[in-house]
């Protein structure tokens, strides 16, 4: 079996400081469950985003488990939309 990942778009409660730094605080799933982010360990440009997309990858800790949280910037053609958040969830494909 081959392991792949699917993007799951989520709501993220985020704080911005006076310099514009974006600090994610919690993730809200579509079913309403809220997971508090205990720690942000790293922040870097996201290498896994598709061609012609840009964004950031946050290494976060939730309940003691390290995960990746991605912020995908939207196109400059949509000025009212800055971007959206997603996590990668494993899916299993049959060979």
N, C-alpha and C. Protein backbone atom coordinates (compact mmCIF):
# COMPACT_ATOMS: atom_id res chain seq x y z
N UNK A 1 0.84 -1.20 0.00
CA UNK A 1 0.00 0.00 0.00
C UNK A 1 0.87 1.25 0.00
N UNK A 2 0.41 2.25 -0.68
CA UNK A 2 1.13 3.51 -0.79
C UNK A 2 0.48 4.53 0.15
N UNK A 3 1.30 5.27 0.87
CA UNK A 3 0.79 6.27 1.79
C UNK A 3 0.82 7.64 1.12
N UNK A 4 -0.30 8.35 1.20
CA UNK A 4 -0.42 9.69 0.61
C UNK A 4 -1.09 10.60 1.64
N UNK A 5 -1.12 11.86 1.32
CA UNK A 5 -1.72 12.84 2.22
C UNK A 5 -2.77 13.66 1.50
N UNK A 6 -3.80 13.99 2.23
CA UNK A 6 -4.88 14.82 1.71
C UNK A 6 -4.90 16.11 2.51
N UNK A 7 -5.13 17.22 1.84
CA UNK A 7 -5.26 18.50 2.54
C UNK A 7 -6.62 18.57 3.21
N UNK A 8 -6.62 18.92 4.47
CA UNK A 8 -7.88 19.16 5.19
C UNK A 8 -7.84 20.61 5.66
N UNK A 9 -8.71 21.43 5.08
CA UNK A 9 -8.75 22.85 5.44
C UNK A 9 -9.47 23.01 6.77
N UNK A 10 -8.89 23.82 7.64
CA UNK A 10 -9.40 23.99 9.00
C UNK A 10 -9.46 25.47 9.35
N UNK A 11 -10.28 25.78 10.35
CA UNK A 11 -10.29 27.12 10.91
C UNK A 11 -9.20 27.18 11.96
N UNK A 12 -8.45 28.27 11.98
CA UNK A 12 -7.39 28.45 12.97
C UNK A 12 -7.59 29.79 13.64
N UNK A 13 -7.66 29.76 14.96
CA UNK A 13 -7.69 31.01 15.73
C UNK A 13 -6.26 31.49 15.85
N UNK A 14 -6.03 32.73 15.44
CA UNK A 14 -4.69 33.26 15.29
C UNK A 14 -4.58 34.64 15.92
N UNK A 15 -3.45 34.91 16.54
CA UNK A 15 -3.13 36.24 17.05
C UNK A 15 -2.08 36.87 16.14
N UNK A 16 -2.15 38.18 16.02
CA UNK A 16 -1.14 38.94 15.30
C UNK A 16 -0.51 39.93 16.27
N UNK A 17 0.83 40.01 16.27
CA UNK A 17 1.45 41.01 17.14
C UNK A 17 1.63 42.32 16.38
N UNK A 18 2.21 43.30 17.02
CA UNK A 18 2.34 44.64 16.41
C UNK A 18 3.27 44.66 15.20
N UNK A 19 4.10 43.62 15.05
CA UNK A 19 4.99 43.55 13.89
C UNK A 19 4.35 42.80 12.72
N UNK A 20 3.16 42.22 12.95
CA UNK A 20 2.47 41.46 11.91
C UNK A 20 2.73 39.97 11.97
N UNK A 21 3.50 39.52 12.97
CA UNK A 21 3.77 38.09 13.11
C UNK A 21 2.46 37.36 13.42
N UNK A 22 2.20 36.27 12.71
CA UNK A 22 0.99 35.49 12.84
C UNK A 22 1.27 34.29 13.75
N UNK A 23 0.55 34.20 14.86
CA UNK A 23 0.76 33.14 15.85
C UNK A 23 -0.52 32.29 15.96
N UNK A 24 -0.53 31.07 15.39
CA UNK A 24 -1.72 30.22 15.53
C UNK A 24 -1.90 29.78 16.97
N UNK A 25 -3.15 29.80 17.46
CA UNK A 25 -3.44 29.45 18.86
C UNK A 25 -4.25 28.18 19.03
N UNK A 26 -5.17 27.92 18.09
CA UNK A 26 -5.96 26.70 18.17
C UNK A 26 -6.51 26.34 16.80
N UNK A 27 -6.82 25.06 16.64
CA UNK A 27 -7.38 24.54 15.39
C UNK A 27 -8.81 24.12 15.67
N UNK A 28 -9.73 24.50 14.78
CA UNK A 28 -11.13 24.12 14.90
C UNK A 28 -11.50 23.24 13.70
N UNK A 29 -11.88 21.99 13.98
CA UNK A 29 -12.29 21.06 12.91
C UNK A 29 -13.71 21.39 12.47
N UNK A 30 -14.08 20.88 11.32
CA UNK A 30 -15.41 21.16 10.76
C UNK A 30 -16.53 20.64 11.66
N UNK A 31 -16.25 19.65 12.50
CA UNK A 31 -17.28 19.13 13.41
C UNK A 31 -17.35 19.91 14.73
N UNK A 32 -16.54 20.99 14.84
CA UNK A 32 -16.58 21.86 16.01
C UNK A 32 -15.56 21.56 17.09
N UNK A 33 -14.83 20.46 16.98
CA UNK A 33 -13.80 20.16 17.99
C UNK A 33 -12.68 21.20 17.91
N UNK A 34 -12.22 21.63 19.08
CA UNK A 34 -11.16 22.65 19.16
C UNK A 34 -9.94 22.02 19.82
N UNK A 35 -8.78 22.20 19.19
CA UNK A 35 -7.52 21.70 19.73
C UNK A 35 -6.59 22.88 19.95
N UNK A 36 -6.24 23.11 21.21
CA UNK A 36 -5.34 24.20 21.57
C UNK A 36 -3.92 23.84 21.15
N UNK A 37 -3.23 24.80 20.54
CA UNK A 37 -1.83 24.62 20.15
C UNK A 37 -0.97 24.96 21.37
N UNK A 38 -0.28 23.95 21.90
CA UNK A 38 0.54 24.13 23.10
C UNK A 38 1.83 24.89 22.83
N UNK A 39 2.37 24.71 21.63
CA UNK A 39 3.68 25.32 21.31
C UNK A 39 3.85 25.40 19.80
N UNK A 40 4.49 26.46 19.35
CA UNK A 40 4.94 26.57 17.96
C UNK A 40 6.45 26.39 18.00
N UNK A 41 6.94 25.31 17.40
CA UNK A 41 8.37 24.99 17.48
C UNK A 41 9.17 25.55 16.32
N UNK A 42 8.51 25.74 15.17
CA UNK A 42 9.25 26.19 14.00
C UNK A 42 8.29 26.87 13.03
N UNK A 43 8.85 27.72 12.21
CA UNK A 43 8.10 28.45 11.19
C UNK A 43 9.02 28.61 9.99
N UNK A 44 8.54 28.23 8.80
CA UNK A 44 9.38 28.33 7.60
C UNK A 44 8.52 28.35 6.35
N UNK A 45 9.08 28.76 5.23
CA UNK A 45 8.32 28.66 3.98
C UNK A 45 7.96 27.19 3.75
N UNK A 46 6.76 26.96 3.25
CA UNK A 46 6.28 25.59 3.06
C UNK A 46 6.81 25.00 1.76
N UNK A 47 7.49 23.89 1.88
CA UNK A 47 8.06 23.24 0.71
C UNK A 47 7.05 22.31 0.04
N UNK A 48 5.97 21.95 0.73
CA UNK A 48 5.07 20.94 0.18
C UNK A 48 3.90 21.53 -0.60
N UNK A 49 3.80 22.83 -0.70
CA UNK A 49 2.69 23.43 -1.44
C UNK A 49 2.89 23.24 -2.94
N UNK A 50 1.78 23.16 -3.66
CA UNK A 50 1.86 22.92 -5.10
C UNK A 50 2.53 24.09 -5.82
N UNK A 51 2.89 23.82 -7.04
CA UNK A 51 3.49 24.85 -7.90
C UNK A 51 2.53 26.04 -8.00
N UNK A 52 3.06 27.23 -8.03
CA UNK A 52 2.31 28.49 -8.14
C UNK A 52 1.56 28.86 -6.87
N UNK A 53 1.80 28.16 -5.78
CA UNK A 53 1.23 28.54 -4.49
C UNK A 53 2.38 28.83 -3.54
N UNK A 54 2.14 29.73 -2.63
CA UNK A 54 3.16 30.01 -1.62
C UNK A 54 2.49 29.96 -0.26
N UNK A 55 3.30 29.81 0.75
CA UNK A 55 2.75 29.76 2.09
C UNK A 55 3.81 29.40 3.11
N UNK A 56 3.35 29.02 4.28
CA UNK A 56 4.23 28.76 5.40
C UNK A 56 3.86 27.45 6.07
N UNK A 57 4.86 26.86 6.70
CA UNK A 57 4.64 25.65 7.49
C UNK A 57 5.02 25.95 8.93
N UNK A 58 4.10 25.67 9.83
CA UNK A 58 4.34 25.80 11.27
C UNK A 58 4.47 24.40 11.85
N UNK A 59 5.54 24.16 12.59
CA UNK A 59 5.65 22.93 13.36
C UNK A 59 5.05 23.23 14.72
N UNK A 60 3.96 22.53 15.03
CA UNK A 60 3.21 22.82 16.25
C UNK A 60 3.15 21.59 17.14
N UNK A 61 2.78 21.81 18.40
CA UNK A 61 2.58 20.71 19.34
C UNK A 61 1.16 20.83 19.89
N UNK A 62 0.41 19.72 19.76
CA UNK A 62 -0.93 19.62 20.32
C UNK A 62 -0.98 18.36 21.16
N UNK A 63 -1.28 18.52 22.44
CA UNK A 63 -1.37 17.38 23.37
C UNK A 63 -0.11 16.53 23.34
N UNK A 64 1.05 17.19 23.25
CA UNK A 64 2.33 16.50 23.29
C UNK A 64 2.78 15.89 21.98
N UNK A 65 1.99 16.03 20.91
CA UNK A 65 2.32 15.43 19.61
C UNK A 65 2.68 16.54 18.62
N UNK A 66 3.83 16.37 17.97
CA UNK A 66 4.27 17.35 16.97
C UNK A 66 3.55 17.11 15.65
N UNK A 67 3.05 18.20 15.06
CA UNK A 67 2.32 18.16 13.79
C UNK A 67 2.76 19.33 12.93
N UNK A 68 2.34 19.30 11.65
CA UNK A 68 2.59 20.41 10.75
C UNK A 68 1.27 21.09 10.42
N UNK A 69 1.28 22.41 10.47
CA UNK A 69 0.13 23.24 10.13
C UNK A 69 0.58 24.19 9.03
N UNK A 70 -0.17 24.22 7.93
CA UNK A 70 0.22 25.01 6.77
C UNK A 70 -0.71 26.19 6.58
N UNK A 71 -0.11 27.32 6.20
CA UNK A 71 -0.87 28.49 5.79
C UNK A 71 -0.60 28.69 4.32
N UNK A 72 -1.65 28.59 3.51
CA UNK A 72 -1.55 28.70 2.06
C UNK A 72 -2.02 30.08 1.64
N UNK A 73 -1.10 30.88 1.09
CA UNK A 73 -1.48 32.21 0.61
C UNK A 73 -2.36 32.10 -0.62
N UNK A 74 -3.33 33.00 -0.73
CA UNK A 74 -4.17 33.00 -1.92
C UNK A 74 -3.55 33.91 -2.97
N UNK A 75 -4.11 33.86 -4.12
CA UNK A 75 -3.63 34.66 -5.25
C UNK A 75 -3.85 36.14 -4.98
N UNK A 76 -3.00 36.96 -5.56
CA UNK A 76 -3.16 38.42 -5.42
C UNK A 76 -4.43 38.92 -6.10
N UNK A 77 -5.08 38.06 -6.87
CA UNK A 77 -6.33 38.45 -7.54
C UNK A 77 -7.52 38.47 -6.58
N UNK A 78 -7.33 37.91 -5.39
CA UNK A 78 -8.40 37.88 -4.38
C UNK A 78 -7.95 38.70 -3.18
N UNK A 79 -8.02 40.00 -3.28
CA UNK A 79 -7.48 40.89 -2.25
C UNK A 79 -8.14 40.71 -0.89
N UNK A 80 -9.41 40.33 -0.85
CA UNK A 80 -10.09 40.19 0.44
C UNK A 80 -9.78 38.85 1.12
N UNK A 81 -9.09 37.96 0.43
CA UNK A 81 -8.72 36.66 0.99
C UNK A 81 -7.20 36.59 1.11
N UNK A 82 -6.71 36.56 2.33
CA UNK A 82 -5.27 36.51 2.56
C UNK A 82 -4.74 35.09 2.35
N UNK A 83 -5.48 34.12 2.86
CA UNK A 83 -5.04 32.73 2.73
C UNK A 83 -5.92 31.82 3.55
N UNK A 84 -5.53 30.55 3.60
CA UNK A 84 -6.27 29.60 4.42
C UNK A 84 -5.33 28.55 4.98
N UNK A 85 -5.79 27.93 6.06
CA UNK A 85 -5.00 26.97 6.81
C UNK A 85 -5.40 25.55 6.42
N UNK A 86 -4.41 24.64 6.45
CA UNK A 86 -4.73 23.23 6.29
C UNK A 86 -3.72 22.36 7.03
N UNK A 87 -4.16 21.14 7.29
CA UNK A 87 -3.28 20.10 7.83
C UNK A 87 -3.26 18.97 6.81
N UNK A 88 -2.21 18.19 6.84
CA UNK A 88 -2.13 17.03 5.95
C UNK A 88 -2.54 15.80 6.76
N UNK A 89 -3.57 15.10 6.27
CA UNK A 89 -4.04 13.88 6.91
C UNK A 89 -3.71 12.69 6.03
N UNK A 90 -3.16 11.64 6.62
CA UNK A 90 -2.79 10.48 5.80
C UNK A 90 -4.02 9.78 5.22
N UNK A 91 -3.88 9.36 3.98
CA UNK A 91 -4.89 8.52 3.33
C UNK A 91 -4.14 7.30 2.79
N UNK A 92 -4.82 6.21 2.71
CA UNK A 92 -4.19 4.98 2.23
C UNK A 92 -4.80 4.63 0.88
N UNK A 93 -3.93 4.46 -0.11
CA UNK A 93 -4.38 4.12 -1.45
C UNK A 93 -3.95 2.68 -1.75
N UNK A 94 -4.80 1.97 -2.43
CA UNK A 94 -4.48 0.61 -2.84
C UNK A 94 -3.59 0.66 -4.08
N UNK A 95 -2.61 -0.22 -4.15
CA UNK A 95 -1.74 -0.26 -5.33
C UNK A 95 -2.38 -1.08 -6.42
